[in-house]
Amino acid sequence: MDGKKREDINIGDEVDVVLKADQRTGKLTRGFVDDILTNSQFHPHGIKVRLKDGQIGRVQEIFSRE
């Protein structure tokens, strides 16, 4: 799943996100979802989440549940 629909993302999911600082390069960071920050049901660039380590980025791919 590509992370553009809020309903596909749950707390504890393992995801790849693009951090704000990495938007130009597209470098992905993997982590587990701690909080979902985007309120709308869809976002074309990916739903914004906070990872368990505190980093914030937009979900590019969803892997599994913790």
C-alpha atoms as a PDB file:
ATOM      1  CA  MET A   1       0.000   0.000   0.000  1.00  0.00           C
ATOM      2  CA  ASP A   2       1.229   3.469  -0.831  1.00  0.00           C
ATOM      3  CA  GLY A   3       0.186   5.450   2.261  1.00  0.00           C
ATOM      4  CA  LYS A   4      -2.047   8.032   0.573  1.00  0.00           C
ATOM      5  CA  LYS A   5      -5.250   6.892   2.338  1.00  0.00           C
ATOM      6  CA  ARG A   6      -5.566   7.480   6.082  1.00  0.00           C
ATOM      7  CA  GLU A   7      -7.731   4.362   6.543  1.00  0.00           C
ATOM      8  CA  ASP A   8      -4.816   2.131   5.441  1.00  0.00           C
ATOM      9  CA  ILE A   9      -2.516   3.334   8.255  1.00  0.00           C
ATOM     10  CA  ASN A  10      -2.733   2.177  11.867  1.00  0.00           C
ATOM     11  CA  ILE A  11      -0.706   2.885  14.987  1.00  0.00           C
ATOM     12  CA  GLY A  12       2.124   0.344  15.161  1.00  0.00           C
ATOM     13  CA  ASP A  13       2.386  -0.236  11.399  1.00  0.00           C
ATOM     14  CA  GLU A  14       5.889  -0.520   9.943  1.00  0.00           C
ATOM     15  CA  VAL A  15       6.236   2.119   7.230  1.00  0.00           C
ATOM     16  CA  ASP A  16       8.699   3.936   5.008  1.00  0.00           C
ATOM     17  CA  VAL A  17       8.396   7.726   5.193  1.00  0.00           C
ATOM     18  CA  VAL A  18      10.036  10.686   3.480  1.00  0.00           C
ATOM     19  CA  LEU A  19      11.212  13.192   6.084  1.00  0.00           C
ATOM     20  CA  LYS A  20      10.859  16.921   5.334  1.00  0.00           C
ATOM     21  CA  ALA A  21      14.645  17.256   5.011  1.00  0.00           C
ATOM     22  CA  ASP A  22      14.744  14.373   2.506  1.00  0.00           C
ATOM     23  CA  GLN A  23      11.930  15.526   0.198  1.00  0.00           C
ATOM     24  CA  ARG A  24      14.341  16.657  -2.546  1.00  0.00           C
ATOM     25  CA  THR A  25      16.265  13.365  -2.609  1.00  0.00           C
ATOM     26  CA  GLY A  26      13.341  11.072  -1.812  1.00  0.00           C
ATOM     27  CA  LYS A  27      15.402   9.171   0.775  1.00  0.00           C
ATOM     28  CA  LEU A  28      13.186   6.827   2.786  1.00  0.00           C
ATOM     29  CA  THR A  29      13.277   6.259   6.543  1.00  0.00           C
ATOM     30  CA  ARG A  30      11.727   3.112   8.051  1.00  0.00           C
ATOM     31  CA  GLY A  31       9.968   3.085  11.387  1.00  0.00           C
ATOM     32  CA  PHE A  32       6.794   2.296  13.309  1.00  0.00           C
ATOM     33  CA  VAL A  33       3.810   4.673  13.411  1.00  0.00           C
ATOM     34  CA  ASP A  34       3.278   6.331  16.798  1.00  0.00           C
ATOM     35  CA  ASP A  35       0.726   8.980  15.759  1.00  0.00           C
ATOM     36  CA  ILE A  36      -1.192   9.942  12.598  1.00  0.00           C
ATOM     37  CA  LEU A  37      -0.938  13.699  12.030  1.00  0.00           C
ATOM     38  CA  THR A  38      -2.947  14.231   8.816  1.00  0.00           C
ATOM     39  CA  ASN A  39      -6.657  14.735   9.524  1.00  0.00           C
ATOM     40  CA  SER A  40      -7.959  14.383   5.959  1.00  0.00           C
ATOM     41  CA  GLN A  41      -8.800  10.935   4.563  1.00  0.00           C
ATOM     42  CA  PHE A  42      -6.484  11.316   1.546  1.00  0.00           C
ATOM     43  CA  HIS A  43      -3.267  13.198   0.763  1.00  0.00           C
ATOM     44  CA  PRO A  44      -1.562  12.989  -2.661  1.00  0.00           C
ATOM     45  CA  HIS A  45       1.952  13.100  -1.148  1.00  0.00           C
ATOM     46  CA  GLY A  46       1.235  10.610   1.637  1.00  0.00           C
ATOM     47  CA  ILE A  47      -0.322  10.778   5.090  1.00  0.00           C
ATOM     48  CA  LYS A  48       1.893  12.575   7.621  1.00  0.00           C
ATOM     49  CA  VAL A  49       2.815  10.476  10.673  1.00  0.00           C
ATOM     50  CA  ARG A  50       5.084  10.616  13.723  1.00  0.00           C
ATOM     51  CA  LEU A  51       7.302   7.572  14.110  1.00  0.00           C
ATOM     52  CA  LYS A  52       8.046   5.987  17.496  1.00  0.00           C
ATOM     53  CA  ASP A  53      11.509   7.618  17.465  1.00  0.00           C
ATOM     54  CA  GLY A  54       9.879  11.077  17.109  1.00  0.00           C
ATOM     55  CA  GLN A  55      10.658  11.732  13.434  1.00  0.00           C
ATOM     56  CA  ILE A  56       7.835  13.113  11.259  1.00  0.00           C
ATOM     57  CA  GLY A  57       7.333  12.302   7.602  1.00  0.00           C
ATOM     58  CA  ARG A  58       4.885  11.336   4.872  1.00  0.00           C
ATOM     59  CA  VAL A  59       4.141   7.624   4.391  1.00  0.00           C
ATOM     60  CA  GLN A  60       5.337   6.195   1.071  1.00  0.00           C
ATOM     61  CA  GLU A  61       4.832   2.490   1.759  1.00  0.00           C
ATOM     62  CA  ILE A  62       3.159   0.367   4.440  1.00  0.00           C
ATOM     63  CA  PHE A  63       4.727  -2.987   5.346  1.00  0.00           C
ATOM     64  CA  SER A  64       3.244  -4.702   8.384  1.00  0.00           C
ATOM     65  CA  ARG A  65       1.877  -4.397  11.878  1.00  0.00           C
ATOM     66  CA  GLU A  66       4.196  -4.473  14.893  1.00  0.00           C
END
